[in-house]
């Protein structure tokens, strides 16, 4: 299995596959290659992980929750 990466400049969304069969997906957001945020919950599918991660990136791009 490999990580799926989506680029949203300057952010990148990584979808992290489960480490074991039946386990949950996670996501990580990187800004210019540096980890800025990880999912705080386990998600049941790759699609749900991508949807949740993209929602977080949209918040970051709009300035909501900017660190």
PDB file of N, CA and C in Angstrom:
ATOM      1  N   UNK A   1       0.830  -1.185   0.000  1.00  0.00           N
ATOM      2  CA  UNK A   1       0.000   0.000   0.000  1.00  0.00           C
ATOM      3  C   UNK A   1       0.872   1.245   0.000  1.00  0.00           C
ATOM      4  N   UNK A   2       0.364   2.278  -0.645  1.00  0.00           N
ATOM      5  CA  UNK A   2       1.120   3.518  -0.674  1.00  0.00           C
ATOM      6  C   UNK A   2       0.223   4.670  -0.277  1.00  0.00           C
ATOM      7  N   UNK A   3       0.846   5.769   0.104  1.00  0.00           N
ATOM      8  CA  UNK A   3       0.106   6.954   0.498  1.00  0.00           C
ATOM      9  C   UNK A   3      -0.386   7.669  -0.749  1.00  0.00           C
ATOM     10  N   UNK A   4      -1.567   8.238  -0.685  1.00  0.00           N
ATOM     11  CA  UNK A   4      -2.103   9.040  -1.768  1.00  0.00           C
ATOM     12  C   UNK A   4      -1.945  10.494  -1.363  1.00  0.00           C
ATOM     13  N   UNK A   5      -1.382  11.308  -2.250  1.00  0.00           N
ATOM     14  CA  UNK A   5      -1.137  12.702  -1.935  1.00  0.00           C
ATOM     15  C   UNK A   5      -1.891  13.604  -2.904  1.00  0.00           C
ATOM     16  N   UNK A   6      -2.572  14.625  -2.388  1.00  0.00           N
ATOM     17  CA  UNK A   6      -3.255  15.626  -3.191  1.00  0.00           C
ATOM     18  C   UNK A   6      -2.627  16.964  -2.857  1.00  0.00           C
ATOM     19  N   UNK A   7      -2.250  17.751  -3.870  1.00  0.00           N
ATOM     20  CA  UNK A   7      -1.612  19.038  -3.623  1.00  0.00           C
ATOM     21  C   UNK A   7      -2.613  20.180  -3.722  1.00  0.00           C
ATOM     22  N   UNK A   8      -2.631  21.018  -2.715  1.00  0.00           N
ATOM     23  CA  UNK A   8      -3.421  22.232  -2.656  1.00  0.00           C
ATOM     24  C   UNK A   8      -2.463  23.289  -2.143  1.00  0.00           C
ATOM     25  N   UNK A   9      -1.810  23.962  -3.064  1.00  0.00           N
ATOM     26  CA  UNK A   9      -0.709  24.857  -2.719  1.00  0.00           C
ATOM     27  C   UNK A   9      -1.109  25.858  -1.654  1.00  0.00           C
ATOM     28  N   UNK A  10      -0.364  26.082  -0.618  1.00  0.00           N
ATOM     29  CA  UNK A  10       0.913  25.459  -0.250  1.00  0.00           C
ATOM     30  C   UNK A  10       0.751  24.186   0.570  1.00  0.00           C
ATOM     31  N   UNK A  11      -0.460  23.641   0.612  1.00  0.00           N
ATOM     32  CA  UNK A  11      -0.733  22.455   1.414  1.00  0.00           C
ATOM     33  C   UNK A  11      -0.725  21.188   0.574  1.00  0.00           C
ATOM     34  N   UNK A  12      -0.466  20.078   1.232  1.00  0.00           N
ATOM     35  CA  UNK A  12      -0.568  18.760   0.607  1.00  0.00           C
ATOM     36  C   UNK A  12      -1.340  17.869   1.570  1.00  0.00           C
ATOM     37  N   UNK A  13      -2.301  17.135   1.026  1.00  0.00           N
ATOM     38  CA  UNK A  13      -3.101  16.216   1.830  1.00  0.00           C
ATOM     39  C   UNK A  13      -2.614  14.805   1.567  1.00  0.00           C
ATOM     40  N   UNK A  14      -2.232  14.118   2.623  1.00  0.00           N
ATOM     41  CA  UNK A  14      -1.809  12.718   2.527  1.00  0.00           C
ATOM     42  C   UNK A  14      -2.878  11.850   3.159  1.00  0.00           C
ATOM     43  N   UNK A  15      -3.327  10.859   2.421  1.00  0.00           N
ATOM     44  CA  UNK A  15      -4.272   9.886   2.953  1.00  0.00           C
ATOM     45  C   UNK A  15      -3.445   8.673   3.358  1.00  0.00           C
ATOM     46  N   UNK A  16      -3.488   8.356   4.634  1.00  0.00           N
ATOM     47  CA  UNK A  16      -2.684   7.267   5.170  1.00  0.00           C
ATOM     48  C   UNK A  16      -3.537   6.013   5.273  1.00  0.00           C
ATOM     49  N   UNK A  17      -3.156   4.963   4.544  1.00  0.00           N
ATOM     50  CA  UNK A  17      -3.950   3.737   4.561  1.00  0.00           C
ATOM     51  C   UNK A  17      -3.834   3.017   5.900  1.00  0.00           C
ATOM     52  N   UNK A  18      -4.799   2.139   6.178  1.00  0.00           N
ATOM     53  CA  UNK A  18      -4.735   1.386   7.435  1.00  0.00           C
ATOM     54  C   UNK A  18      -3.499   0.495   7.477  1.00  0.00           C
ATOM     55  N   UNK A  19      -2.944   0.331   8.662  1.00  0.00           N
ATOM     56  CA  UNK A  19      -1.757  -0.517   8.816  1.00  0.00           C
ATOM     57  C   UNK A  19      -2.131  -1.987   8.864  1.00  0.00           C
ATOM     58  N   UNK A  20      -3.391  -2.281   9.189  1.00  0.00           N
ATOM     59  CA  UNK A  20      -3.876  -3.659   9.244  1.00  0.00           C
ATOM     60  C   UNK A  20      -5.238  -3.721   8.567  1.00  0.00           C
ATOM     61  N   UNK A  21      -5.552  -4.857   8.015  1.00  0.00           N
ATOM     62  CA  UNK A  21      -6.840  -5.026   7.356  1.00  0.00           C
ATOM     63  C   UNK A  21      -7.968  -4.785   8.352  1.00  0.00           C
ATOM     64  N   UNK A  22      -8.955  -3.997   7.942  1.00  0.00           N
ATOM     65  CA  UNK A  22     -10.071  -3.680   8.820  1.00  0.00           C
ATOM     66  C   UNK A  22      -9.840  -2.472   9.707  1.00  0.00           C
ATOM     67  N   UNK A  23      -8.624  -1.937   9.697  1.00  0.00           N
ATOM     68  CA  UNK A  23      -8.318  -0.749  10.502  1.00  0.00           C
ATOM     69  C   UNK A  23      -8.808   0.498   9.769  1.00  0.00           C
ATOM     70  N   UNK A  24      -8.637   1.657  10.377  1.00  0.00           N
ATOM     71  CA  UNK A  24      -9.166   2.901   9.838  1.00  0.00           C
ATOM     72  C   UNK A  24      -8.115   3.715   9.098  1.00  0.00           C
ATOM     73  N   UNK A  25      -8.608   4.630   8.264  1.00  0.00           N
ATOM     74  CA  UNK A  25      -7.757   5.561   7.515  1.00  0.00           C
ATOM     75  C   UNK A  25      -7.490   6.798   8.358  1.00  0.00           C
ATOM     76  N   UNK A  26      -6.400   7.477   8.057  1.00  0.00           N
ATOM     77  CA  UNK A  26      -6.021   8.730   8.692  1.00  0.00           C
ATOM     78  C   UNK A  26      -5.618   9.695   7.579  1.00  0.00           C
ATOM     79  N   UNK A  27      -5.485  10.974   7.894  1.00  0.00           N
ATOM     80  CA  UNK A  27      -4.942  11.934   6.946  1.00  0.00           C
ATOM     81  C   UNK A  27      -3.923  12.813   7.654  1.00  0.00           C
ATOM     82  N   UNK A  28      -3.070  13.430   6.847  1.00  0.00           N
ATOM     83  CA  UNK A  28      -2.081  14.380   7.359  1.00  0.00           C
ATOM     84  C   UNK A  28      -2.016  15.548   6.385  1.00  0.00           C
ATOM     85  N   UNK A  29      -1.895  16.758   6.906  1.00  0.00           N
ATOM     86  CA  UNK A  29      -1.759  17.950   6.083  1.00  0.00           C
ATOM     87  C   UNK A  29      -0.344  18.485   6.265  1.00  0.00           C
ATOM     88  N   UNK A  30       0.311  18.746   5.153  1.00  0.00           N
ATOM     89  CA  UNK A  30       1.652  19.323   5.171  1.00  0.00           C
ATOM     90  C   UNK A  30       1.608  20.686   4.484  1.00  0.00           C
ATOM     91  N   UNK A  31       2.369  21.620   5.027  1.00  0.00           N
ATOM     92  CA  UNK A  31       2.511  22.939   4.413  1.00  0.00           C
ATOM     93  C   UNK A  31       3.973  23.088   4.027  1.00  0.00           C
ATOM     94  N   UNK A  32       4.197  23.206   2.729  1.00  0.00           N
ATOM     95  CA  UNK A  32       5.562  23.278   2.192  1.00  0.00           C
ATOM     96  C   UNK A  32       6.408  22.113   2.705  1.00  0.00           C
ATOM     97  N   UNK A  33       5.805  20.933   2.788  1.00  0.00           N
ATOM     98  CA  UNK A  33       6.509  19.727   3.193  1.00  0.00           C
ATOM     99  C   UNK A  33       6.558  19.460   4.686  1.00  0.00           C
ATOM    100  N   UNK A  34       6.197  20.434   5.497  1.00  0.00           N
ATOM    101  CA  UNK A  34       6.254  20.271   6.950  1.00  0.00           C
ATOM    102  C   UNK A  34       4.875  19.908   7.495  1.00  0.00           C
ATOM    103  N   UNK A  35       4.815  18.874   8.328  1.00  0.00           N
ATOM    104  CA  UNK A  35       3.560  18.439   8.913  1.00  0.00           C
ATOM    105  C   UNK A  35       2.945  19.567   9.735  1.00  0.00           C
ATOM    106  N   UNK A  36       1.677  19.897   9.438  1.00  0.00           N
ATOM    107  CA  UNK A  36       0.994  20.940  10.197  1.00  0.00           C
ATOM    108  C   UNK A  36      -0.201  20.415  10.971  1.00  0.00           C
ATOM    109  N   UNK A  37      -0.823  19.333  10.482  1.00  0.00           N
ATOM    110  CA  UNK A  37      -2.015  18.835  11.148  1.00  0.00           C
ATOM    111  C   UNK A  37      -2.240  17.372  10.775  1.00  0.00           C
ATOM    112  N   UNK A  38      -2.765  16.592  11.721  1.00  0.00           N
ATOM    113  CA  UNK A  38      -3.153  15.193  11.491  1.00  0.00           C
ATOM    114  C   UNK A  38      -4.594  15.014  11.906  1.00  0.00           C
ATOM    115  N   UNK A  39      -5.217  13.992  11.356  1.00  0.00           N
ATOM    116  CA  UNK A  39      -6.594  13.704  11.751  1.00  0.00           C
ATOM    117  C   UNK A  39      -6.628  13.316  13.220  1.00  0.00           C
ATOM    118  N   UNK A  40      -7.674  13.731  13.887  1.00  0.00           N
ATOM    119  CA  UNK A  40      -7.812  13.416  15.304  1.00  0.00           C
ATOM    120  C   UNK A  40      -8.763  12.249  15.533  1.00  0.00           C
ATOM    121  N   UNK A  41      -9.240  11.680  14.441  1.00  0.00           N
ATOM    122  CA  UNK A  41     -10.114  10.510  14.553  1.00  0.00           C
ATOM    123  C   UNK A  41      -9.826   9.550  13.415  1.00  0.00           C
ATOM    124  N   UNK A  42     -10.192   8.319  13.612  1.00  0.00           N
ATOM    125  CA  UNK A  42     -10.036   7.303  12.590  1.00  0.00           C
ATOM    126  C   UNK A  42     -11.254   7.341  11.681  1.00  0.00           C
ATOM    127  N   UNK A  43     -11.016   7.182  10.388  1.00  0.00           N
ATOM    128  CA  UNK A  43     -12.098   7.261   9.416  1.00  0.00           C
ATOM    129  C   UNK A  43     -12.259   5.920   8.705  1.00  0.00           C
ATOM    130  N   UNK A  44     -13.504   5.521   8.418  1.00  0.00           N
ATOM    131  CA  UNK A  44     -13.775   4.173   7.925  1.00  0.00           C
ATOM    132  C   UNK A  44     -13.363   3.899   6.483  1.00  0.00           C
ATOM    133  N   UNK A  45     -13.155   4.957   5.672  1.00  0.00           N
ATOM    134  CA  UNK A  45     -12.815   4.723   4.269  1.00  0.00           C
ATOM    135  C   UNK A  45     -11.862   5.800   3.766  1.00  0.00           C
ATOM    136  N   UNK A  46     -11.222   5.509   2.652  1.00  0.00           N
ATOM    137  CA  UNK A  46     -10.329   6.484   2.031  1.00  0.00           C
ATOM    138  C   UNK A  46     -11.113   7.728   1.613  1.00  0.00           C
ATOM    139  N   UNK A  47     -12.316   7.526   1.087  1.00  0.00           N
ATOM    140  CA  UNK A  47     -13.150   8.650   0.656  1.00  0.00           C
ATOM    141  C   UNK A  47     -13.501   9.563   1.832  1.00  0.00           C
ATOM    142  N   UNK A  48     -13.857   8.984   2.969  1.00  0.00           N
ATOM    143  CA  UNK A  48     -14.183   9.782   4.159  1.00  0.00           C
ATOM    144  C   UNK A  48     -12.954  10.527   4.664  1.00  0.00           C
ATOM    145  N   UNK A  49     -11.799   9.877   4.627  1.00  0.00           N
ATOM    146  CA  UNK A  49     -10.559  10.526   5.058  1.00  0.00           C
ATOM    147  C   UNK A  49     -10.235  11.704   4.146  1.00  0.00           C
ATOM    148  N   UNK A  50     -10.387  11.516   2.827  1.00  0.00           N
ATOM    149  CA  UNK A  50     -10.118  12.599   1.867  1.00  0.00           C
ATOM    150  C   UNK A  50     -11.103  13.758   2.083  1.00  0.00           C
ATOM    151  N   UNK A  51     -12.367  13.444   2.257  1.00  0.00           N
ATOM    152  CA  UNK A  51     -13.395  14.466   2.468  1.00  0.00           C
ATOM    153  C   UNK A  51     -13.105  15.278   3.734  1.00  0.00           C
ATOM    154  N   UNK A  52     -12.774  14.596   4.817  1.00  0.00           N
ATOM    155  CA  UNK A  52     -12.484  15.254   6.083  1.00  0.00           C
ATOM    156  C   UNK A  52     -11.211  16.102   5.984  1.00  0.00           C
ATOM    157  N   UNK A  53     -10.180  15.566   5.356  1.00  0.00           N
ATOM    158  CA  UNK A  53      -8.922  16.301   5.193  1.00  0.00           C
ATOM    159  C   UNK A  53      -9.081  17.533   4.318  1.00  0.00           C
ATOM    160  N   UNK A  54      -9.843  17.397   3.228  1.00  0.00           N
ATOM    161  CA  UNK A  54     -10.069  18.544   2.340  1.00  0.00           C
ATOM    162  C   UNK A  54     -10.860  19.636   3.048  1.00  0.00           C
ATOM    163  N   UNK A  55     -11.798  19.253   3.900  1.00  0.00           N
ATOM    164  CA  UNK A  55     -12.553  20.243   4.670  1.00  0.00           C
ATOM    165  C   UNK A  55     -11.608  21.035   5.579  1.00  0.00           C
ATOM    166  N   UNK A  56     -10.637  20.353   6.168  1.00  0.00           N
ATOM    167  CA  UNK A  56      -9.660  21.036   7.025  1.00  0.00           C
ATOM    168  C   UNK A  56      -8.782  21.979   6.206  1.00  0.00           C
ATOM    169  N   UNK A  57      -8.380  21.553   5.010  1.00  0.00           N
ATOM    170  CA  UNK A  57      -7.562  22.415   4.150  1.00  0.00           C
ATOM    171  C   UNK A  57      -8.359  23.644   3.726  1.00  0.00           C
ATOM    172  N   UNK A  58      -9.633  23.462   3.408  1.00  0.00           N
ATOM    173  CA  UNK A  58     -10.473  24.607   3.044  1.00  0.00           C
ATOM    174  C   UNK A  58     -10.532  25.612   4.184  1.00  0.00           C
ATOM    175  N   UNK A  59     -10.612  25.131   5.417  1.00  0.00           N
ATOM    176  CA  UNK A  59     -10.594  26.025   6.582  1.00  0.00           C
ATOM    177  C   UNK A  59      -9.259  26.763   6.662  1.00  0.00           C
ATOM    178  N   UNK A  60      -8.166  26.040   6.445  1.00  0.00           N
ATOM    179  CA  UNK A  60      -6.849  26.673   6.506  1.00  0.00           C
ATOM    180  C   UNK A  60      -6.690  27.727   5.407  1.00  0.00           C
ATOM    181  N   UNK A  61      -7.169  27.405   4.195  1.00  0.00           N
ATOM    182  CA  UNK A  61      -7.055  28.357   3.083  1.00  0.00           C
ATOM    183  C   UNK A  61      -7.910  29.596   3.294  1.00  0.00           C
ATOM    184  N   UNK A  62      -9.035  29.444   4.011  1.00  0.00           N
ATOM    185  CA  UNK A  62      -9.906  30.586   4.255  1.00  0.00           C
ATOM    186  C   UNK A  62      -9.480  31.389   5.481  1.00  0.00           C
ATOM    187  N   UNK A  63      -8.475  30.871   6.206  1.00  0.00           N
ATOM    188  CA  UNK A  63      -7.985  31.567   7.386  1.00  0.00           C
ATOM    189  C   UNK A  63      -8.651  31.138   8.674  1.00  0.00           C
ATOM    190  N   UNK A  64      -9.619  30.246   8.604  1.00  0.00           N
ATOM    191  CA  UNK A  64     -10.289  29.747   9.801  1.00  0.00           C
ATOM    192  C   UNK A  64      -9.388  28.700  10.437  1.00  0.00           C
ATOM    193  N   UNK A  65      -9.109  28.825  11.715  1.00  0.00           N
ATOM    194  CA  UNK A  65      -8.265  27.862  12.400  1.00  0.00           C
ATOM    195  C   UNK A  65      -6.800  27.969  12.031  1.00  0.00           C
ATOM    196  N   UNK A  66      -6.416  29.113  11.464  1.00  0.00           N
ATOM    197  CA  UNK A  66      -5.007  29.317  11.081  1.00  0.00           C
ATOM    198  C   UNK A  66      -4.132  29.338  12.315  1.00  0.00           C
ATOM    199  N   UNK A  67      -3.032  28.606  12.254  1.00  0.00           N
ATOM    200  CA  UNK A  67      -2.133  28.523  13.416  1.00  0.00           C
ATOM    201  C   UNK A  67      -1.018  29.506  13.302  1.00  0.00           C
TER     202      UNK A  67
END
